Amino acid sequence: RLRALGTGYIRFALAEPGLFRTAFCRADTPGMESEP
C-alpha cells in the first residue's frame, strides 16, 4: 500500500501538473492569498 500510494501521488503530479501545482501553491502569493 505504501508503494502504491507513493506511486499514485507521483503519477497524479505528472498527469495533472496544473492541478498539482495549484493544490500546493503558496497561500501567501501576491494576488492569490488564501487560507492554507
PDB file of all heavy atoms in Angstrom:
ATOM      1  N   ARG A   1       0.834  -1.206   0.000  1.00  0.00           N
ATOM      2  CA  ARG A   1       0.000   0.000   0.000  1.00  0.00           C
ATOM      3  C   ARG A   1       0.867   1.253   0.000  1.00  0.00           C
ATOM      4  O   ARG A   1       0.570   2.232  -0.693  1.00  0.00           O
ATOM      5  CB  ARG A   1      -0.926  -0.003   1.220  1.00  0.00           C
ATOM      6  CG  ARG A   1      -2.026  -1.050   1.175  1.00  0.00           C
ATOM      7  CD  ARG A   1      -2.907  -0.978   2.426  1.00  0.00           C
ATOM      8  NE  ARG A   1      -3.558   0.311   2.528  1.00  0.00           N
ATOM      9  CZ  ARG A   1      -4.719   0.618   1.932  1.00  0.00           C
ATOM     10  NH1 ARG A   1      -5.342  -0.284   1.195  1.00  0.00           N
ATOM     11  NH2 ARG A   1      -5.244   1.818   2.077  1.00  0.00           N
ATOM     12  N   LEU A   2       1.943   1.211   0.757  1.00  0.00           N
ATOM     13  CA  LEU A   2       2.817   2.373   0.853  1.00  0.00           C
ATOM     14  C   LEU A   2       3.403   2.728  -0.514  1.00  0.00           C
ATOM     15  O   LEU A   2       3.400   3.898  -0.926  1.00  0.00           O
ATOM     16  CB  LEU A   2       3.931   2.081   1.856  1.00  0.00           C
ATOM     17  CG  LEU A   2       4.771   3.259   2.332  1.00  0.00           C
ATOM     18  CD1 LEU A   2       3.916   4.227   3.138  1.00  0.00           C
ATOM     19  CD2 LEU A   2       5.937   2.755   3.182  1.00  0.00           C
ATOM     20  N   ARG A   3       3.891   1.715  -1.223  1.00  0.00           N
ATOM     21  CA  ARG A   3       4.455   1.965  -2.551  1.00  0.00           C
ATOM     22  C   ARG A   3       3.374   2.429  -3.518  1.00  0.00           C
ATOM     23  O   ARG A   3       3.599   3.325  -4.350  1.00  0.00           O
ATOM     24  CB  ARG A   3       5.132   0.712  -3.091  1.00  0.00           C
ATOM     25  CG  ARG A   3       6.415   0.319  -2.383  1.00  0.00           C
ATOM     26  CD  ARG A   3       7.111  -0.811  -3.132  1.00  0.00           C
ATOM     27  NE  ARG A   3       7.639  -0.309  -4.397  1.00  0.00           N
ATOM     28  CZ  ARG A   3       8.898   0.084  -4.584  1.00  0.00           C
ATOM     29  NH1 ARG A   3       9.752   0.037  -3.580  1.00  0.00           N
ATOM     30  NH2 ARG A   3       9.306   0.529  -5.759  1.00  0.00           N
ATOM     31  N   ALA A   4       2.196   1.827  -3.441  1.00  0.00           N
ATOM     32  CA  ALA A   4       1.112   2.203  -4.355  1.00  0.00           C
ATOM     33  C   ALA A   4       0.669   3.640  -4.112  1.00  0.00           C
ATOM     34  O   ALA A   4       0.429   4.398  -5.061  1.00  0.00           O
ATOM     35  CB  ALA A   4      -0.071   1.245  -4.185  1.00  0.00           C
ATOM     36  N   LEU A   5       0.562   4.032  -2.859  1.00  0.00           N
ATOM     37  CA  LEU A   5       0.157   5.403  -2.546  1.00  0.00           C
ATOM     38  C   LEU A   5       1.186   6.400  -3.066  1.00  0.00           C
ATOM     39  O   LEU A   5       0.828   7.439  -3.646  1.00  0.00           O
ATOM     40  CB  LEU A   5      -0.032   5.569  -1.037  1.00  0.00           C
ATOM     41  CG  LEU A   5      -1.195   4.805  -0.403  1.00  0.00           C
ATOM     42  CD1 LEU A   5      -1.165   4.941   1.116  1.00  0.00           C
ATOM     43  CD2 LEU A   5      -2.531   5.303  -0.955  1.00  0.00           C
ATOM     44  N   GLY A   6       2.461   6.088  -2.874  1.00  0.00           N
ATOM     45  CA  GLY A   6       3.504   6.977  -3.382  1.00  0.00           C
ATOM     46  C   GLY A   6       3.502   7.049  -4.897  1.00  0.00           C
ATOM     47  O   GLY A   6       3.669   8.127  -5.486  1.00  0.00           O
ATOM     48  N   THR A   7       3.296   5.901  -5.531  1.00  0.00           N
ATOM     49  CA  THR A   7       3.232   5.873  -6.990  1.00  0.00           C
ATOM     50  C   THR A   7       2.061   6.696  -7.498  1.00  0.00           C
ATOM     51  O   THR A   7       2.205   7.492  -8.447  1.00  0.00           O
ATOM     52  CB  THR A   7       3.098   4.421  -7.489  1.00  0.00           C
ATOM     53  OG1 THR A   7       4.241   3.665  -7.067  1.00  0.00           O
ATOM     54  CG2 THR A   7       3.003   4.366  -9.005  1.00  0.00           C
ATOM     55  N   GLY A   8       0.896   6.528  -6.881  1.00  0.00           N
ATOM     56  CA  GLY A   8      -0.277   7.291  -7.292  1.00  0.00           C
ATOM     57  C   GLY A   8      -0.080   8.790  -7.129  1.00  0.00           C
ATOM     58  O   GLY A   8      -0.521   9.587  -7.968  1.00  0.00           O
ATOM     59  N   TYR A   9       0.597   9.171  -6.073  1.00  0.00           N
ATOM     60  CA  TYR A   9       0.881  10.588  -5.798  1.00  0.00           C
ATOM     61  C   TYR A   9       1.730  11.185  -6.922  1.00  0.00           C
ATOM     62  O   TYR A   9       1.407  12.230  -7.483  1.00  0.00           O
ATOM     63  CB  TYR A   9       1.613  10.674  -4.462  1.00  0.00           C
ATOM     64  CG  TYR A   9       1.757  12.060  -3.876  1.00  0.00           C
ATOM     65  CD1 TYR A   9       0.911  12.482  -2.856  1.00  0.00           C
ATOM     66  CD2 TYR A   9       2.750  12.930  -4.310  1.00  0.00           C
ATOM     67  CE1 TYR A   9       1.057  13.736  -2.282  1.00  0.00           C
ATOM     68  CE2 TYR A   9       2.900  14.191  -3.750  1.00  0.00           C
ATOM     69  CZ  TYR A   9       2.050  14.590  -2.733  1.00  0.00           C
ATOM     70  OH  TYR A   9       2.192  15.845  -2.171  1.00  0.00           O
ATOM     71  N   ILE A  10       2.816  10.483  -7.254  1.00  0.00           N
ATOM     72  CA  ILE A  10       3.713  10.995  -8.294  1.00  0.00           C
ATOM     73  C   ILE A  10       3.051  10.944  -9.668  1.00  0.00           C
ATOM     74  O   ILE A  10       3.190  11.882 -10.468  1.00  0.00           O
ATOM     75  CB  ILE A  10       5.033  10.206  -8.290  1.00  0.00           C
ATOM     76  CG1 ILE A  10       5.780  10.450  -6.975  1.00  0.00           C
ATOM     77  CG2 ILE A  10       5.902  10.600  -9.481  1.00  0.00           C
ATOM     78  CD1 ILE A  10       7.007   9.579  -6.788  1.00  0.00           C
ATOM     79  N   ARG A  11       2.317   9.882  -9.948  1.00  0.00           N
ATOM     80  CA  ARG A  11       1.647   9.775 -11.248  1.00  0.00           C
ATOM     81  C   ARG A  11       0.619  10.902 -11.426  1.00  0.00           C
ATOM     82  O   ARG A  11       0.443  11.424 -12.528  1.00  0.00           O
ATOM     83  CB  ARG A  11       0.950   8.421 -11.368  1.00  0.00           C
ATOM     84  CG  ARG A  11       1.894   7.229 -11.328  1.00  0.00           C
ATOM     85  CD  ARG A  11       2.643   7.052 -12.626  1.00  0.00           C
ATOM     86  NE  ARG A  11       3.464   5.854 -12.585  1.00  0.00           N
ATOM     87  CZ  ARG A  11       4.788   5.850 -12.610  1.00  0.00           C
ATOM     88  NH1 ARG A  11       5.459   6.979 -12.711  1.00  0.00           N
ATOM     89  NH2 ARG A  11       5.467   4.713 -12.566  1.00  0.00           N
ATOM     90  N   PHE A  12      -0.062  11.253 -10.352  1.00  0.00           N
ATOM     91  CA  PHE A  12      -1.008  12.366 -10.437  1.00  0.00           C
ATOM     92  C   PHE A  12      -0.278  13.662 -10.784  1.00  0.00           C
ATOM     93  O   PHE A  12      -0.729  14.440 -11.631  1.00  0.00           O
ATOM     94  CB  PHE A  12      -1.752  12.530  -9.114  1.00  0.00           C
ATOM     95  CG  PHE A  12      -2.679  13.725  -9.079  1.00  0.00           C
ATOM     96  CD1 PHE A  12      -3.940  13.663  -9.654  1.00  0.00           C
ATOM     97  CD2 PHE A  12      -2.280  14.909  -8.489  1.00  0.00           C
ATOM     98  CE1 PHE A  12      -4.798  14.764  -9.643  1.00  0.00           C
ATOM     99  CE2 PHE A  12      -3.122  16.021  -8.470  1.00  0.00           C
ATOM    100  CZ  PHE A  12      -4.386  15.938  -9.054  1.00  0.00           C
ATOM    101  N   ALA A  13       0.847  13.892 -10.127  1.00  0.00           N
ATOM    102  CA  ALA A  13       1.610  15.112 -10.399  1.00  0.00           C
ATOM    103  C   ALA A  13       2.023  15.194 -11.865  1.00  0.00           C
ATOM    104  O   ALA A  13       1.946  16.264 -12.482  1.00  0.00           O
ATOM    105  CB  ALA A  13       2.844  15.162  -9.498  1.00  0.00           C
ATOM    106  N   LEU A  14       2.449  14.058 -12.431  1.00  0.00           N
ATOM    107  CA  LEU A  14       2.902  14.056 -13.816  1.00  0.00           C
ATOM    108  C   LEU A  14       1.746  14.143 -14.808  1.00  0.00           C
ATOM    109  O   LEU A  14       1.885  14.738 -15.883  1.00  0.00           O
ATOM    110  CB  LEU A  14       3.722  12.791 -14.086  1.00  0.00           C
ATOM    111  CG  LEU A  14       5.021  12.650 -13.271  1.00  0.00           C
ATOM    112  CD1 LEU A  14       5.724  11.340 -13.601  1.00  0.00           C
ATOM    113  CD2 LEU A  14       5.939  13.838 -13.511  1.00  0.00           C
ATOM    114  N   ALA A  15       0.607  13.556 -14.452  1.00  0.00           N
ATOM    115  CA  ALA A  15      -0.543  13.566 -15.354  1.00  0.00           C
ATOM    116  C   ALA A  15      -1.327  14.868 -15.266  1.00  0.00           C
ATOM    117  O   ALA A  15      -1.941  15.298 -16.243  1.00  0.00           O
ATOM    118  CB  ALA A  15      -1.467  12.386 -15.032  1.00  0.00           C
ATOM    119  N   GLU A  16      -1.325  15.496 -14.085  1.00  0.00           N
ATOM    120  CA  GLU A  16      -2.110  16.714 -13.858  1.00  0.00           C
ATOM    121  C   GLU A  16      -1.218  17.798 -13.239  1.00  0.00           C
ATOM    122  O   GLU A  16      -1.451  18.243 -12.108  1.00  0.00           O
ATOM    123  CB  GLU A  16      -3.290  16.422 -12.936  1.00  0.00           C
ATOM    124  CG  GLU A  16      -4.297  15.441 -13.481  1.00  0.00           C
ATOM    125  CD  GLU A  16      -5.192  16.057 -14.555  1.00  0.00           C
ATOM    126  OE1 GLU A  16      -4.991  17.242 -14.893  1.00  0.00           O
ATOM    127  OE2 GLU A  16      -6.094  15.363 -15.047  1.00  0.00           O
ATOM    128  N   PRO A  17      -0.213  18.250 -13.980  1.00  0.00           N
ATOM    129  CA  PRO A  17       0.711  19.226 -13.382  1.00  0.00           C
ATOM    130  C   PRO A  17       0.029  20.526 -12.952  1.00  0.00           C
ATOM    131  O   PRO A  17       0.400  21.111 -11.931  1.00  0.00           O
ATOM    132  CB  PRO A  17       1.737  19.475 -14.496  1.00  0.00           C
ATOM    133  CG  PRO A  17       1.043  19.060 -15.758  1.00  0.00           C
ATOM    134  CD  PRO A  17       0.155  17.929 -15.368  1.00  0.00           C
ATOM    135  N   GLY A  18      -0.964  20.964 -13.716  1.00  0.00           N
ATOM    136  CA  GLY A  18      -1.657  22.194 -13.350  1.00  0.00           C
ATOM    137  C   GLY A  18      -2.384  22.065 -12.029  1.00  0.00           C
ATOM    138  O   GLY A  18      -2.318  22.957 -11.167  1.00  0.00           O
ATOM    139  N   LEU A  19      -3.085  20.955 -11.845  1.00  0.00           N
ATOM    140  CA  LEU A  19      -3.807  20.731 -10.593  1.00  0.00           C
ATOM    141  C   LEU A  19      -2.837  20.512  -9.442  1.00  0.00           C
ATOM    142  O   LEU A  19      -3.078  20.981  -8.319  1.00  0.00           O
ATOM    143  CB  LEU A  19      -4.744  19.525 -10.720  1.00  0.00           C
ATOM    144  CG  LEU A  19      -5.986  19.706 -11.583  1.00  0.00           C
ATOM    145  CD1 LEU A  19      -6.889  18.487 -11.457  1.00  0.00           C
ATOM    146  CD2 LEU A  19      -6.750  20.966 -11.192  1.00  0.00           C
ATOM    147  N   PHE A  20      -1.760  19.780  -9.691  1.00  0.00           N
ATOM    148  CA  PHE A  20      -0.786  19.517  -8.632  1.00  0.00           C
ATOM    149  C   PHE A  20      -0.144  20.815  -8.166  1.00  0.00           C
ATOM    150  O   PHE A  20      -0.026  21.067  -6.955  1.00  0.00           O
ATOM    151  CB  PHE A  20       0.276  18.546  -9.138  1.00  0.00           C
ATOM    152  CG  PHE A  20       1.222  18.079  -8.066  1.00  0.00           C
ATOM    153  CD1 PHE A  20       0.862  17.052  -7.211  1.00  0.00           C
ATOM    154  CD2 PHE A  20       2.471  18.663  -7.923  1.00  0.00           C
ATOM    155  CE1 PHE A  20       1.739  16.611  -6.214  1.00  0.00           C
ATOM    156  CE2 PHE A  20       3.353  18.234  -6.941  1.00  0.00           C
ATOM    157  CZ  PHE A  20       2.979  17.205  -6.084  1.00  0.00           C
ATOM    158  N   ARG A  21       0.254  21.655  -9.099  1.00  0.00           N
ATOM    159  CA  ARG A  21       0.865  22.934  -8.715  1.00  0.00           C
ATOM    160  C   ARG A  21      -0.129  23.804  -7.958  1.00  0.00           C
ATOM    161  O   ARG A  21       0.234  24.498  -7.013  1.00  0.00           O
ATOM    162  CB  ARG A  21       1.369  23.655  -9.956  1.00  0.00           C
ATOM    163  CG  ARG A  21       2.560  22.983 -10.642  1.00  0.00           C
ATOM    164  CD  ARG A  21       3.099  23.851 -11.761  1.00  0.00           C
ATOM    165  NE  ARG A  21       4.236  23.230 -12.436  1.00  0.00           N
ATOM    166  CZ  ARG A  21       4.183  22.681 -13.643  1.00  0.00           C
ATOM    167  NH1 ARG A  21       3.035  22.670 -14.317  1.00  0.00           N
ATOM    168  NH2 ARG A  21       5.253  22.133 -14.184  1.00  0.00           N
ATOM    169  N   THR A  22      -1.383  23.767  -8.379  1.00  0.00           N
ATOM    170  CA  THR A  22      -2.399  24.580  -7.704  1.00  0.00           C
ATOM    171  C   THR A  22      -2.663  24.057  -6.300  1.00  0.00           C
ATOM    172  O   THR A  22      -2.806  24.846  -5.355  1.00  0.00           O
ATOM    173  CB  THR A  22      -3.702  24.586  -8.512  1.00  0.00           C
ATOM    174  OG1 THR A  22      -3.440  25.080  -9.835  1.00  0.00           O
ATOM    175  CG2 THR A  22      -4.745  25.488  -7.854  1.00  0.00           C
ATOM    176  N   ALA A  23      -2.728  22.744  -6.163  1.00  0.00           N
ATOM    177  CA  ALA A  23      -3.003  22.149  -4.847  1.00  0.00           C
ATOM    178  C   ALA A  23      -1.978  22.574  -3.817  1.00  0.00           C
ATOM    179  O   ALA A  23      -2.302  22.732  -2.635  1.00  0.00           O
ATOM    180  CB  ALA A  23      -3.045  20.631  -4.960  1.00  0.00           C
ATOM    181  N   PHE A  24      -0.736  22.794  -4.262  1.00  0.00           N
ATOM    182  CA  PHE A  24       0.330  23.097  -3.317  1.00  0.00           C
ATOM    183  C   PHE A  24       0.929  24.492  -3.512  1.00  0.00           C
ATOM    184  O   PHE A  24       2.020  24.764  -3.001  1.00  0.00           O
ATOM    185  CB  PHE A  24       1.424  22.034  -3.421  1.00  0.00           C
ATOM    186  CG  PHE A  24       0.957  20.668  -3.010  1.00  0.00           C
ATOM    187  CD1 PHE A  24       0.626  19.720  -3.968  1.00  0.00           C
ATOM    188  CD2 PHE A  24       0.797  20.340  -1.681  1.00  0.00           C
ATOM    189  CE1 PHE A  24       0.170  18.459  -3.604  1.00  0.00           C
ATOM    190  CE2 PHE A  24       0.339  19.092  -1.300  1.00  0.00           C
ATOM    191  CZ  PHE A  24       0.021  18.147  -2.264  1.00  0.00           C
ATOM    192  N   CYS A  25       0.225  25.356  -4.216  1.00  0.00           N
ATOM    193  CA  CYS A  25       0.736  26.716  -4.388  1.00  0.00           C
ATOM    194  C   CYS A  25       0.685  27.452  -3.049  1.00  0.00           C
ATOM    195  O   CYS A  25      -0.158  27.168  -2.193  1.00  0.00           O
ATOM    196  CB  CYS A  25      -0.042  27.474  -5.461  1.00  0.00           C
ATOM    197  SG  CYS A  25      -1.748  27.906  -5.044  1.00  0.00           S
ATOM    198  N   ARG A  26       1.576  28.380  -2.873  1.00  0.00           N
ATOM    199  CA  ARG A  26       1.662  29.096  -1.600  1.00  0.00           C
ATOM    200  C   ARG A  26       0.427  29.969  -1.400  1.00  0.00           C
ATOM    201  O   ARG A  26      -0.024  30.661  -2.309  1.00  0.00           O
ATOM    202  CB  ARG A  26       2.922  29.957  -1.558  1.00  0.00           C
ATOM    203  CG  ARG A  26       4.194  29.153  -1.438  1.00  0.00           C
ATOM    204  CD  ARG A  26       5.406  30.045  -1.266  1.00  0.00           C
ATOM    205  NE  ARG A  26       5.250  30.987  -0.153  1.00  0.00           N
ATOM    206  CZ  ARG A  26       6.237  31.770   0.294  1.00  0.00           C
ATOM    207  NH1 ARG A  26       7.414  31.725  -0.276  1.00  0.00           N
ATOM    208  NH2 ARG A  26       6.033  32.599   1.299  1.00  0.00           N
ATOM    209  N   ALA A  27      -0.082  29.932  -0.188  1.00  0.00           N
ATOM    210  CA  ALA A  27      -1.298  30.676   0.120  1.00  0.00           C
ATOM    211  C   ALA A  27      -1.040  32.164   0.254  1.00  0.00           C
ATOM    212  O   ALA A  27      -1.986  32.960   0.246  1.00  0.00           O
ATOM    213  CB  ALA A  27      -1.926  30.148   1.411  1.00  0.00           C
ATOM    214  N   ASP A  28       0.234  32.558   0.373  1.00  0.00           N
ATOM    215  CA  ASP A  28       0.537  33.978   0.555  1.00  0.00           C
ATOM    216  C   ASP A  28       1.105  34.621  -0.704  1.00  0.00           C
ATOM    217  O   ASP A  28       1.652  35.716  -0.655  1.00  0.00           O
ATOM    218  CB  ASP A  28       1.509  34.168   1.721  1.00  0.00           C
ATOM    219  CG  ASP A  28       2.844  33.435   1.509  1.00  0.00           C
ATOM    220  OD1 ASP A  28       2.929  32.648   0.550  1.00  0.00           O
ATOM    221  OD2 ASP A  28       3.764  33.657   2.307  1.00  0.00           O
ATOM    222  N   THR A  29       0.974  33.940  -1.851  1.00  0.00           N
ATOM    223  CA  THR A  29       1.437  34.525  -3.102  1.00  0.00           C
ATOM    224  C   THR A  29       0.612  35.757  -3.434  1.00  0.00           C
ATOM    225  O   THR A  29      -0.615  35.713  -3.370  1.00  0.00           O
ATOM    226  CB  THR A  29       1.310  33.500  -4.250  1.00  0.00           C
ATOM    227  OG1 THR A  29       2.085  32.346  -3.922  1.00  0.00           O
ATOM    228  CG2 THR A  29       1.805  34.085  -5.560  1.00  0.00           C
ATOM    229  N   PRO A  30       1.258  36.885  -3.769  1.00  0.00           N
ATOM    230  CA  PRO A  30       0.500  38.096  -4.088  1.00  0.00           C
ATOM    231  C   PRO A  30      -0.567  37.851  -5.148  1.00  0.00           C
ATOM    232  O   PRO A  30      -0.296  37.264  -6.193  1.00  0.00           O
ATOM    233  CB  PRO A  30       1.586  39.053  -4.603  1.00  0.00           C
ATOM    234  CG  PRO A  30       2.831  38.617  -3.907  1.00  0.00           C
ATOM    235  CD  PRO A  30       2.723  37.123  -3.814  1.00  0.00           C
ATOM    236  N   GLY A  31      -1.775  38.257  -4.854  1.00  0.00           N
ATOM    237  CA  GLY A  31      -2.893  38.071  -5.769  1.00  0.00           C
ATOM    238  C   GLY A  31      -3.603  36.752  -5.606  1.00  0.00           C
ATOM    239  O   GLY A  31      -4.675  36.546  -6.155  1.00  0.00           O
ATOM    240  N   MET A  32      -2.997  35.830  -4.847  1.00  0.00           N
ATOM    241  CA  MET A  32      -3.597  34.509  -4.658  1.00  0.00           C
ATOM    242  C   MET A  32      -3.695  34.154  -3.173  1.00  0.00           C
ATOM    243  O   MET A  32      -3.748  33.002  -2.790  1.00  0.00           O
ATOM    244  CB  MET A  32      -2.792  33.436  -5.392  1.00  0.00           C
ATOM    245  CG  MET A  32      -2.827  33.571  -6.901  1.00  0.00           C
ATOM    246  SD  MET A  32      -2.063  32.168  -7.763  1.00  0.00           S
ATOM    247  CE  MET A  32      -0.336  32.473  -7.466  1.00  0.00           C
ATOM    248  N   GLU A  33      -3.688  35.187  -2.305  1.00  0.00           N
ATOM    249  CA  GLU A  33      -3.738  34.947  -0.871  1.00  0.00           C
ATOM    250  C   GLU A  33      -4.987  34.148  -0.513  1.00  0.00           C
ATOM    251  O   GLU A  33      -6.094  34.470  -0.945  1.00  0.00           O
ATOM    252  CB  GLU A  33      -3.731  36.265  -0.095  1.00  0.00           C
ATOM    253  CG  GLU A  33      -2.456  37.086  -0.265  1.00  0.00           C
ATOM    254  CD  GLU A  33      -2.494  38.011  -1.465  1.00  0.00           C
ATOM    255  OE1 GLU A  33      -3.420  37.852  -2.296  1.00  0.00           O
ATOM    256  OE2 GLU A  33      -1.613  38.882  -1.565  1.00  0.00           O
ATOM    257  N   SER A  34      -4.786  33.066   0.252  1.00  0.00           N
ATOM    258  CA  SER A  34      -5.909  32.220   0.621  1.00  0.00           C
ATOM    259  C   SER A  34      -5.617  31.534   1.938  1.00  0.00           C
ATOM    260  O   SER A  34      -4.471  31.499   2.403  1.00  0.00           O
ATOM    261  CB  SER A  34      -6.174  31.161  -0.457  1.00  0.00           C
ATOM    262  OG  SER A  34      -5.057  30.297  -0.588  1.00  0.00           O
ATOM    263  N   GLU A  35      -6.654  30.983   2.525  1.00  0.00           N
ATOM    264  CA  GLU A  35      -6.464  30.195   3.733  1.00  0.00           C
ATOM    265  C   GLU A  35      -5.712  28.911   3.365  1.00  0.00           C
ATOM    266  O   GLU A  35      -6.047  28.256   2.378  1.00  0.00           O
ATOM    267  CB  GLU A  35      -7.820  29.834   4.343  1.00  0.00           C
ATOM    268  CG  GLU A  35      -8.539  31.009   4.991  1.00  0.00           C
ATOM    269  CD  GLU A  35      -7.806  31.532   6.208  1.00  0.00           C
ATOM    270  OE1 GLU A  35      -7.254  30.710   6.968  1.00  0.00           O
ATOM    271  OE2 GLU A  35      -7.769  32.760   6.381  1.00  0.00           O
ATOM    272  N   PRO A  36      -4.691  28.539   4.138  1.00  0.00           N
ATOM    273  CA  PRO A  36      -3.978  27.299   3.820  1.00  0.00           C
ATOM    274  C   PRO A  36      -4.871  26.084   4.016  1.00  0.00           C
ATOM    275  O   PRO A  36      -5.712  26.056   4.903  1.00  0.00           O
ATOM    276  CB  PRO A  36      -2.812  27.302   4.816  1.00  0.00           C
ATOM    277  CG  PRO A  36      -3.269  28.170   5.948  1.00  0.00           C
ATOM    278  CD  PRO A  36      -4.148  29.216   5.324  1.00  0.00           C
TER     279      PRO A  36
END
